[in-house]
Amino acid sequence: MSNKLYLRIKKTNQHLYAYVLHNGKQLLTVSTNQKMIQKNIEKIDSQRLPEIIGYFLSEKIKESGLSNIYLKKTYLFHGKVKTVVEELRKNGIIIF
């Protein structure tokens, strides 16, 4: 098994999920259906949701002391996926 950490982003019609995986197991998860985000979801512009997901995930990654995360490309690198990754990079997370 690999010791690499992977970022996986999943999109549905209603929600956006971002996971940090290690050996197929979820270490960290942030999604638009979590309570901390759901409370303010009506107030947030839907275009900003990927930024907010990226911000909360970057904070969790920093708290965990993780670094060097590889992007698991399940979708084309544009739109919401690109926005989440750019937000992570902006907050100091190294993504390959």
PDB file of N, CA and C in Angstrom:
ATOM      1  N   MET A   1       0.830  -1.191   0.000  1.00  0.00           N
ATOM      2  CA  MET A   1       0.000   0.000   0.000  1.00  0.00           C
ATOM      3  C   MET A   1       0.873   1.252   0.000  1.00  0.00           C
ATOM      4  N   SER A   2       0.333   2.273  -0.571  1.00  0.00           N
ATOM      5  CA  SER A   2       1.031   3.542  -0.689  1.00  0.00           C
ATOM      6  C   SER A   2       0.793   4.400   0.551  1.00  0.00           C
ATOM      7  N   ASN A   3       1.776   5.200   0.891  1.00  0.00           N
ATOM      8  CA  ASN A   3       1.624   6.117   2.020  1.00  0.00           C
ATOM      9  C   ASN A   3       1.163   7.496   1.573  1.00  0.00           C
ATOM     10  N   LYS A   4       0.762   7.609   0.318  1.00  0.00           N
ATOM     11  CA  LYS A   4       0.329   8.898  -0.204  1.00  0.00           C
ATOM     12  C   LYS A   4      -1.063   9.247   0.299  1.00  0.00           C
ATOM     13  N   LEU A   5      -1.276  10.540   0.459  1.00  0.00           N
ATOM     14  CA  LEU A   5      -2.599  11.064   0.789  1.00  0.00           C
ATOM     15  C   LEU A   5      -3.221  11.583  -0.494  1.00  0.00           C
ATOM     16  N   TYR A   6      -4.482  11.283  -0.690  1.00  0.00           N
ATOM     17  CA  TYR A   6      -5.175  11.692  -1.906  1.00  0.00           C
ATOM     18  C   TYR A   6      -6.353  12.591  -1.583  1.00  0.00           C
ATOM     19  N   LEU A   7      -6.560  13.594  -2.432  1.00  0.00           N
ATOM     20  CA  LEU A   7      -7.734  14.452  -2.364  1.00  0.00           C
ATOM     21  C   LEU A   7      -8.710  13.951  -3.414  1.00  0.00           C
ATOM     22  N   ARG A   8      -9.916  13.638  -2.986  1.00  0.00           N
ATOM     23  CA  ARG A   8     -10.966  13.216  -3.923  1.00  0.00           C
ATOM     24  C   ARG A   8     -12.121  14.188  -3.784  1.00  0.00           C
ATOM     25  N   ILE A   9     -12.590  14.684  -4.902  1.00  0.00           N
ATOM     26  CA  ILE A   9     -13.720  15.609  -4.912  1.00  0.00           C
ATOM     27  C   ILE A   9     -14.866  14.934  -5.643  1.00  0.00           C
ATOM     28  N   LYS A  10     -16.024  14.945  -5.006  1.00  0.00           N
ATOM     29  CA  LYS A  10     -17.213  14.320  -5.588  1.00  0.00           C
ATOM     30  C   LYS A  10     -18.292  15.382  -5.734  1.00  0.00           C
ATOM     31  N   LYS A  11     -18.938  15.389  -6.904  1.00  0.00           N
ATOM     32  CA  LYS A  11     -20.005  16.350  -7.164  1.00  0.00           C
ATOM     33  C   LYS A  11     -21.307  15.595  -7.389  1.00  0.00           C
ATOM     34  N   THR A  12     -22.391  16.124  -6.838  1.00  0.00           N
ATOM     35  CA  THR A  12     -23.725  15.647  -7.165  1.00  0.00           C
ATOM     36  C   THR A  12     -24.530  16.861  -7.615  1.00  0.00           C
ATOM     37  N   ASN A  13     -25.778  16.646  -7.957  1.00  0.00           N
ATOM     38  CA  ASN A  13     -26.601  17.778  -8.388  1.00  0.00           C
ATOM     39  C   ASN A  13     -26.818  18.787  -7.268  1.00  0.00           C
ATOM     40  N   GLN A  14     -26.816  18.323  -6.013  1.00  0.00           N
ATOM     41  CA  GLN A  14     -27.107  19.217  -4.896  1.00  0.00           C
ATOM     42  C   GLN A  14     -25.920  19.516  -4.001  1.00  0.00           C
ATOM     43  N   HIS A  15     -24.942  18.626  -3.935  1.00  0.00           N
ATOM     44  CA  HIS A  15     -23.872  18.787  -2.950  1.00  0.00           C
ATOM     45  C   HIS A  15     -22.493  18.606  -3.569  1.00  0.00           C
ATOM     46  N   LEU A  16     -21.504  19.081  -2.827  1.00  0.00           N
ATOM     47  CA  LEU A  16     -20.104  18.962  -3.193  1.00  0.00           C
ATOM     48  C   LEU A  16     -19.375  18.365  -1.994  1.00  0.00           C
ATOM     49  N   TYR A  17     -18.566  17.334  -2.234  1.00  0.00           N
ATOM     50  CA  TYR A  17     -17.848  16.640  -1.173  1.00  0.00           C
ATOM     51  C   TYR A  17     -16.359  16.679  -1.477  1.00  0.00           C
ATOM     52  N   ALA A  18     -15.527  16.854  -0.450  1.00  0.00           N
ATOM     53  CA  ALA A  18     -14.075  16.795  -0.601  1.00  0.00           C
ATOM     54  C   ALA A  18     -13.536  15.889   0.500  1.00  0.00           C
ATOM     55  N   TYR A  19     -12.771  14.876   0.096  1.00  0.00           N
ATOM     56  CA  TYR A  19     -12.233  13.890   1.031  1.00  0.00           C
ATOM     57  C   TYR A  19     -10.716  13.876   0.948  1.00  0.00           C
ATOM     58  N   VAL A  20     -10.062  13.615   2.069  1.00  0.00           N
ATOM     59  CA  VAL A  20      -8.646  13.278   2.072  1.00  0.00           C
ATOM     60  C   VAL A  20      -8.590  11.800   2.425  1.00  0.00           C
ATOM     61  N   LEU A  21      -7.983  11.012   1.516  1.00  0.00           N
ATOM     62  CA  LEU A  21      -7.948   9.560   1.656  1.00  0.00           C
ATOM     63  C   LEU A  21      -6.529   9.072   1.893  1.00  0.00           C
ATOM     64  N   HIS A  22      -6.406   7.994   2.668  1.00  0.00           N
ATOM     65  CA  HIS A  22      -5.141   7.299   2.867  1.00  0.00           C
ATOM     66  C   HIS A  22      -5.449   5.813   2.827  1.00  0.00           C
ATOM     67  N   ASN A  23      -4.859   5.114   1.864  1.00  0.00           N
ATOM     68  CA  ASN A  23      -5.125   3.679   1.671  1.00  0.00           C
ATOM     69  C   ASN A  23      -6.617   3.389   1.549  1.00  0.00           C
ATOM     70  N   GLY A  24      -7.338   4.252   0.875  1.00  0.00           N
ATOM     71  CA  GLY A  24      -8.761   4.043   0.635  1.00  0.00           C
ATOM     72  C   GLY A  24      -9.671   4.407   1.789  1.00  0.00           C
ATOM     73  N   LYS A  25      -9.110   4.853   2.892  1.00  0.00           N
ATOM     74  CA  LYS A  25      -9.919   5.231   4.057  1.00  0.00           C
ATOM     75  C   LYS A  25      -9.970   6.751   4.172  1.00  0.00           C
ATOM     76  N   GLN A  26     -11.139   7.256   4.527  1.00  0.00           N
ATOM     77  CA  GLN A  26     -11.308   8.699   4.671  1.00  0.00           C
ATOM     78  C   GLN A  26     -10.677   9.179   5.970  1.00  0.00           C
ATOM     79  N   LEU A  27      -9.789  10.139   5.847  1.00  0.00           N
ATOM     80  CA  LEU A  27      -9.207  10.766   7.034  1.00  0.00           C
ATOM     81  C   LEU A  27      -9.967  12.038   7.381  1.00  0.00           C
ATOM     82  N   LEU A  28     -10.263  12.839   6.362  1.00  0.00           N
ATOM     83  CA  LEU A  28     -10.965  14.109   6.556  1.00  0.00           C
ATOM     84  C   LEU A  28     -12.043  14.247   5.491  1.00  0.00           C
ATOM     85  N   THR A  29     -13.156  14.850   5.865  1.00  0.00           N
ATOM     86  CA  THR A  29     -14.248  15.087   4.921  1.00  0.00           C
ATOM     87  C   THR A  29     -14.865  16.450   5.184  1.00  0.00           C
ATOM     88  N   VAL A  30     -15.152  17.158   4.120  1.00  0.00           N
ATOM     89  CA  VAL A  30     -15.923  18.400   4.197  1.00  0.00           C
ATOM     90  C   VAL A  30     -16.923  18.350   3.049  1.00  0.00           C
ATOM     91  N   SER A  31     -18.170  18.705   3.341  1.00  0.00           N
ATOM     92  CA  SER A  31     -19.181  18.707   2.286  1.00  0.00           C
ATOM     93  C   SER A  31     -20.207  19.800   2.540  1.00  0.00           C
ATOM     94  N   THR A  32     -20.975  20.085   1.510  1.00  0.00           N
ATOM     95  CA  THR A  32     -21.985  21.132   1.618  1.00  0.00           C
ATOM     96  C   THR A  32     -23.184  20.698   2.439  1.00  0.00           C
ATOM     97  N   ASN A  33     -23.271  19.429   2.802  1.00  0.00           N
ATOM     98  CA  ASN A  33     -24.396  19.009   3.640  1.00  0.00           C
ATOM     99  C   ASN A  33     -24.006  18.840   5.108  1.00  0.00           C
ATOM    100  N   GLN A  34     -22.836  19.347   5.508  1.00  0.00           N
ATOM    101  CA  GLN A  34     -22.460  19.338   6.915  1.00  0.00           C
ATOM    102  C   GLN A  34     -23.128  20.504   7.628  1.00  0.00           C
ATOM    103  N   LYS A  35     -23.402  20.313   8.909  1.00  0.00           N
ATOM    104  CA  LYS A  35     -24.153  21.314   9.681  1.00  0.00           C
ATOM    105  C   LYS A  35     -23.499  22.690   9.678  1.00  0.00           C
ATOM    106  N   MET A  36     -22.166  22.746   9.812  1.00  0.00           N
ATOM    107  CA  MET A  36     -21.495  24.048   9.890  1.00  0.00           C
ATOM    108  C   MET A  36     -21.656  24.842   8.594  1.00  0.00           C
ATOM    109  N   ILE A  37     -21.793  24.167   7.483  1.00  0.00           N
ATOM    110  CA  ILE A  37     -21.984  24.851   6.208  1.00  0.00           C
ATOM    111  C   ILE A  37     -23.465  25.015   5.906  1.00  0.00           C
ATOM    112  N   GLN A  38     -24.275  24.027   6.261  1.00  0.00           N
ATOM    113  CA  GLN A  38     -25.717  24.069   5.997  1.00  0.00           C
ATOM    114  C   GLN A  38     -26.393  25.266   6.657  1.00  0.00           C
ATOM    115  N   LYS A  39     -25.915  25.657   7.837  1.00  0.00           N
ATOM    116  CA  LYS A  39     -26.523  26.783   8.549  1.00  0.00           C
ATOM    117  C   LYS A  39     -26.534  28.050   7.705  1.00  0.00           C
ATOM    118  N   ASN A  40     -25.455  28.253   6.971  1.00  0.00           N
ATOM    119  CA  ASN A  40     -25.289  29.498   6.219  1.00  0.00           C
ATOM    120  C   ASN A  40     -25.447  29.331   4.716  1.00  0.00           C
ATOM    121  N   ILE A  41     -25.872  28.155   4.276  1.00  0.00           N
ATOM    122  CA  ILE A  41     -25.889  27.874   2.837  1.00  0.00           C
ATOM    123  C   ILE A  41     -26.842  28.784   2.067  1.00  0.00           C
ATOM    124  N   GLU A  42     -27.937  29.218   2.702  1.00  0.00           N
ATOM    125  CA  GLU A  42     -28.869  30.112   2.016  1.00  0.00           C
ATOM    126  C   GLU A  42     -28.252  31.487   1.809  1.00  0.00           C
ATOM    127  N   LYS A  43     -27.366  31.878   2.722  1.00  0.00           N
ATOM    128  CA  LYS A  43     -26.745  33.196   2.657  1.00  0.00           C
ATOM    129  C   LYS A  43     -25.558  33.232   1.693  1.00  0.00           C
ATOM    130  N   ILE A  44     -25.051  32.053   1.322  1.00  0.00           N
ATOM    131  CA  ILE A  44     -23.845  31.964   0.509  1.00  0.00           C
ATOM    132  C   ILE A  44     -24.227  31.815  -0.959  1.00  0.00           C
ATOM    133  N   ASP A  45     -23.570  32.575  -1.812  1.00  0.00           N
ATOM    134  CA  ASP A  45     -23.754  32.444  -3.252  1.00  0.00           C
ATOM    135  C   ASP A  45     -23.239  31.068  -3.680  1.00  0.00           C
ATOM    136  N   SER A  46     -23.977  30.366  -4.519  1.00  0.00           N
ATOM    137  CA  SER A  46     -23.601  29.005  -4.913  1.00  0.00           C
ATOM    138  C   SER A  46     -22.253  28.963  -5.629  1.00  0.00           C
ATOM    139  N   GLN A  47     -21.831  30.058  -6.222  1.00  0.00           N
ATOM    140  CA  GLN A  47     -20.527  30.108  -6.875  1.00  0.00           C
ATOM    141  C   GLN A  47     -19.387  30.109  -5.858  1.00  0.00           C
ATOM    142  N   ARG A  48     -19.672  30.512  -4.628  1.00  0.00           N
ATOM    143  CA  ARG A  48     -18.641  30.570  -3.585  1.00  0.00           C
ATOM    144  C   ARG A  48     -18.549  29.287  -2.772  1.00  0.00           C
ATOM    145  N   LEU A  49     -19.494  28.370  -2.935  1.00  0.00           N
ATOM    146  CA  LEU A  49     -19.472  27.133  -2.150  1.00  0.00           C
ATOM    147  C   LEU A  49     -18.174  26.338  -2.317  1.00  0.00           C
ATOM    148  N   PRO A  50     -17.647  26.160  -3.534  1.00  0.00           N
ATOM    149  CA  PRO A  50     -16.374  25.438  -3.649  1.00  0.00           C
ATOM    150  C   PRO A  50     -15.234  26.119  -2.898  1.00  0.00           C
ATOM    151  N   GLU A  51     -15.220  27.448  -2.869  1.00  0.00           N
ATOM    152  CA  GLU A  51     -14.199  28.171  -2.107  1.00  0.00           C
ATOM    153  C   GLU A  51     -14.328  27.861  -0.620  1.00  0.00           C
ATOM    154  N   ILE A  52     -15.553  27.835  -0.137  1.00  0.00           N
ATOM    155  CA  ILE A  52     -15.789  27.581   1.284  1.00  0.00           C
ATOM    156  C   ILE A  52     -15.420  26.147   1.647  1.00  0.00           C
ATOM    157  N   ILE A  53     -15.747  25.201   0.769  1.00  0.00           N
ATOM    158  CA  ILE A  53     -15.351  23.806   0.983  1.00  0.00           C
ATOM    159  C   ILE A  53     -13.828  23.717   1.040  1.00  0.00           C
ATOM    160  N   GLY A  54     -13.141  24.370   0.107  1.00  0.00           N
ATOM    161  CA  GLY A  54     -11.677  24.377   0.096  1.00  0.00           C
ATOM    162  C   GLY A  54     -11.092  24.995   1.348  1.00  0.00           C
ATOM    163  N   TYR A  55     -11.691  26.080   1.815  1.00  0.00           N
ATOM    164  CA  TYR A  55     -11.201  26.747   3.026  1.00  0.00           C
ATOM    165  C   TYR A  55     -11.342  25.843   4.252  1.00  0.00           C
ATOM    166  N   PHE A  56     -12.536  25.274   4.455  1.00  0.00           N
ATOM    167  CA  PHE A  56     -12.743  24.416   5.621  1.00  0.00           C
ATOM    168  C   PHE A  56     -11.862  23.169   5.569  1.00  0.00           C
ATOM    169  N   LEU A  57     -11.670  22.606   4.375  1.00  0.00           N
ATOM    170  CA  LEU A  57     -10.803  21.436   4.256  1.00  0.00           C
ATOM    171  C   LEU A  57      -9.357  21.810   4.546  1.00  0.00           C
ATOM    172  N   SER A  58      -8.912  22.971   4.071  1.00  0.00           N
ATOM    173  CA  SER A  58      -7.532  23.388   4.347  1.00  0.00           C
ATOM    174  C   SER A  58      -7.305  23.588   5.840  1.00  0.00           C
ATOM    175  N   GLU A  59      -8.295  24.122   6.538  1.00  0.00           N
ATOM    176  CA  GLU A  59      -8.173  24.285   7.988  1.00  0.00           C
ATOM    177  C   GLU A  59      -8.072  22.928   8.684  1.00  0.00           C
ATOM    178  N   LYS A  60      -8.879  21.969   8.261  1.00  0.00           N
ATOM    179  CA  LYS A  60      -8.819  20.626   8.852  1.00  0.00           C
ATOM    180  C   LYS A  60      -7.478  19.956   8.566  1.00  0.00           C
ATOM    181  N   ILE A  61      -6.961  20.150   7.351  1.00  0.00           N
ATOM    182  CA  ILE A  61      -5.671  19.559   6.986  1.00  0.00           C
ATOM    183  C   ILE A  61      -4.561  20.160   7.842  1.00  0.00           C
ATOM    184  N   LYS A  62      -4.580  21.473   8.034  1.00  0.00           N
ATOM    185  CA  LYS A  62      -3.568  22.131   8.868  1.00  0.00           C
ATOM    186  C   LYS A  62      -3.638  21.647  10.309  1.00  0.00           C
ATOM    187  N   GLU A  63      -4.858  21.509  10.848  1.00  0.00           N
ATOM    188  CA  GLU A  63      -5.030  21.027  12.217  1.00  0.00           C
ATOM    189  C   GLU A  63      -4.495  19.612  12.372  1.00  0.00           C
ATOM    190  N   SER A  64      -4.607  18.800  11.325  1.00  0.00           N
ATOM    191  CA  SER A  64      -4.169  17.407  11.377  1.00  0.00           C
ATOM    192  C   SER A  64      -2.672  17.264  11.172  1.00  0.00           C
ATOM    193  N   GLY A  65      -2.024  18.305  10.680  1.00  0.00           N
ATOM    194  CA  GLY A  65      -0.592  18.240  10.437  1.00  0.00           C
ATOM    195  C   GLY A  65      -0.233  17.475   9.170  1.00  0.00           C
ATOM    196  N   LEU A  66      -1.168  17.337   8.251  1.00  0.00           N
ATOM    197  CA  LEU A  66      -0.915  16.618   7.005  1.00  0.00           C
ATOM    198  C   LEU A  66      -0.317  17.567   5.973  1.00  0.00           C
ATOM    199  N   SER A  67       0.370  17.002   4.997  1.00  0.00           N
ATOM    200  CA  SER A  67       0.913  17.802   3.898  1.00  0.00           C
ATOM    201  C   SER A  67       1.098  16.903   2.683  1.00  0.00           C
ATOM    202  N   ASN A  68       1.466  17.497   1.561  1.00  0.00           N
ATOM    203  CA  ASN A  68       1.737  16.769   0.321  1.00  0.00           C
ATOM    204  C   ASN A  68       0.598  15.838  -0.068  1.00  0.00           C
ATOM    205  N   ILE A  69      -0.443  16.408  -0.595  1.00  0.00           N
ATOM    206  CA  ILE A  69      -1.636  15.659  -0.977  1.00  0.00           C
ATOM    207  C   ILE A  69      -1.700  15.575  -2.496  1.00  0.00           C
ATOM    208  N   TYR A  70      -2.034  14.403  -2.987  1.00  0.00           N
ATOM    209  CA  TYR A  70      -2.153  14.166  -4.421  1.00  0.00           C
ATOM    210  C   TYR A  70      -3.615  14.249  -4.822  1.00  0.00           C
ATOM    211  N   LEU A  71      -3.883  14.896  -5.945  1.00  0.00           N
ATOM    212  CA  LEU A  71      -5.249  15.037  -6.438  1.00  0.00           C
ATOM    213  C   LEU A  71      -5.640  13.788  -7.205  1.00  0.00           C
ATOM    214  N   LYS A  72      -6.729  13.167  -6.785  1.00  0.00           N
ATOM    215  CA  LYS A  72      -7.279  12.017  -7.493  1.00  0.00           C
ATOM    216  C   LYS A  72      -8.255  12.567  -8.517  1.00  0.00           C
ATOM    217  N   LYS A  73      -7.879  12.512  -9.782  1.00  0.00           N
ATOM    218  CA  LYS A  73      -8.665  13.168 -10.827  1.00  0.00           C
ATOM    219  C   LYS A  73      -9.823  12.287 -11.274  1.00  0.00           C
ATOM    220  N   THR A  74     -10.980  12.538 -10.692  1.00  0.00           N
ATOM    221  CA  THR A  74     -12.187  11.825 -11.091  1.00  0.00           C
ATOM    222  C   THR A  74     -13.045  12.679 -12.012  1.00  0.00           C
ATOM    223  N   TYR A  75     -12.776  13.973 -12.053  1.00  0.00           N
ATOM    224  CA  TYR A  75     -13.487  14.905 -12.926  1.00  0.00           C
ATOM    225  C   TYR A  75     -12.457  15.743 -13.666  1.00  0.00           C
ATOM    226  N   LEU A  76     -12.883  16.404 -14.735  1.00  0.00           N
ATOM    227  CA  LEU A  76     -12.002  17.335 -15.418  1.00  0.00           C
ATOM    228  C   LEU A  76     -11.608  18.454 -14.458  1.00  0.00           C
ATOM    229  N   PHE A  77     -10.391  18.963 -14.641  1.00  0.00           N
ATOM    230  CA  PHE A  77      -9.872  19.984 -13.730  1.00  0.00           C
ATOM    231  C   PHE A  77     -10.342  21.367 -14.167  1.00  0.00           C
ATOM    232  N   HIS A  78     -11.599  21.657 -13.904  1.00  0.00           N
ATOM    233  CA  HIS A  78     -12.143  22.989 -14.159  1.00  0.00           C
ATOM    234  C   HIS A  78     -13.377  23.172 -13.291  1.00  0.00           C
ATOM    235  N   GLY A  79     -13.880  24.386 -13.268  1.00  0.00           N
ATOM    236  CA  GLY A  79     -15.098  24.657 -12.510  1.00  0.00           C
ATOM    237  C   GLY A  79     -14.918  24.484 -11.013  1.00  0.00           C
ATOM    238  N   LYS A  80     -15.838  23.750 -10.398  1.00  0.00           N
ATOM    239  CA  LYS A  80     -15.847  23.587  -8.943  1.00  0.00           C
ATOM    240  C   LYS A  80     -14.615  22.855  -8.442  1.00  0.00           C
ATOM    241  N   VAL A  81     -14.167  21.836  -9.175  1.00  0.00           N
ATOM    242  CA  VAL A  81     -12.978  21.075  -8.768  1.00  0.00           C
ATOM    243  C   VAL A  81     -11.765  22.001  -8.732  1.00  0.00           C
ATOM    244  N   LYS A  82     -11.591  22.781  -9.769  1.00  0.00           N
ATOM    245  CA  LYS A  82     -10.461  23.710  -9.836  1.00  0.00           C
ATOM    246  C   LYS A  82     -10.536  24.746  -8.719  1.00  0.00           C
ATOM    247  N   THR A  83     -11.727  25.226  -8.425  1.00  0.00           N
ATOM    248  CA  THR A  83     -11.900  26.231  -7.376  1.00  0.00           C
ATOM    249  C   THR A  83     -11.517  25.672  -6.011  1.00  0.00           C
ATOM    250  N   VAL A  84     -11.926  24.434  -5.709  1.00  0.00           N
ATOM    251  CA  VAL A  84     -11.571  23.808  -4.428  1.00  0.00           C
ATOM    252  C   VAL A  84     -10.057  23.665  -4.322  1.00  0.00           C
ATOM    253  N   VAL A  85      -9.412  23.158  -5.366  1.00  0.00           N
ATOM    254  CA  VAL A  85      -7.960  22.949  -5.346  1.00  0.00           C
ATOM    255  C   VAL A  85      -7.217  24.278  -5.233  1.00  0.00           C
ATOM    256  N   GLU A  86      -7.652  25.287  -5.961  1.00  0.00           N
ATOM    257  CA  GLU A  86      -7.003  26.601  -5.869  1.00  0.00           C
ATOM    258  C   GLU A  86      -7.134  27.194  -4.472  1.00  0.00           C
ATOM    259  N   GLU A  87      -8.273  26.996  -3.835  1.00  0.00           N
ATOM    260  CA  GLU A  87      -8.465  27.500  -2.468  1.00  0.00           C
ATOM    261  C   GLU A  87      -7.536  26.772  -1.495  1.00  0.00           C
ATOM    262  N   LEU A  88      -7.372  25.469  -1.677  1.00  0.00           N
ATOM    263  CA  LEU A  88      -6.445  24.713  -0.831  1.00  0.00           C
ATOM    264  C   LEU A  88      -5.022  25.231  -1.012  1.00  0.00           C
ATOM    265  N   ARG A  89      -4.612  25.419  -2.250  1.00  0.00           N
ATOM    266  CA  ARG A  89      -3.259  25.928  -2.522  1.00  0.00           C
ATOM    267  C   ARG A  89      -3.071  27.330  -1.958  1.00  0.00           C
ATOM    268  N   LYS A  90      -4.095  28.156  -2.082  1.00  0.00           N
ATOM    269  CA  LYS A  90      -4.029  29.530  -1.565  1.00  0.00           C
ATOM    270  C   LYS A  90      -3.822  29.532  -0.049  1.00  0.00           C
ATOM    271  N   ASN A  91      -4.343  28.515   0.624  1.00  0.00           N
ATOM    272  CA  ASN A  91      -4.213  28.423   2.075  1.00  0.00           C
ATOM    273  C   ASN A  91      -3.011  27.587   2.511  1.00  0.00           C
ATOM    274  N   GLY A  92      -2.075  27.330   1.598  1.00  0.00           N
ATOM    275  CA  GLY A  92      -0.803  26.719   1.967  1.00  0.00           C
ATOM    276  C   GLY A  92      -0.739  25.208   1.898  1.00  0.00           C
ATOM    277  N   ILE A  93      -1.714  24.545   1.316  1.00  0.00           N
ATOM    278  CA  ILE A  93      -1.684  23.091   1.190  1.00  0.00           C
ATOM    279  C   ILE A  93      -0.995  22.748  -0.130  1.00  0.00           C
ATOM    280  N   ILE A  94      -0.023  21.834  -0.082  1.00  0.00           N
ATOM    281  CA  ILE A  94       0.713  21.439  -1.279  1.00  0.00           C
ATOM    282  C   ILE A  94      -0.033  20.292  -1.946  1.00  0.00           C
ATOM    283  N   ILE A  95      -0.437  20.515  -3.199  1.00  0.00           N
ATOM    284  CA  ILE A  95      -1.184  19.504  -3.943  1.00  0.00           C
ATOM    285  C   ILE A  95      -0.429  19.192  -5.223  1.00  0.00           C
ATOM    286  N   PHE A  96      -0.228  17.895  -5.458  1.00  0.00           N
ATOM    287  CA  PHE A  96       0.469  17.429  -6.667  1.00  0.00           C
ATOM    288  C   PHE A  96      -0.528  16.950  -7.685  1.00  0.00           C
TER     289      PHE A  96
END
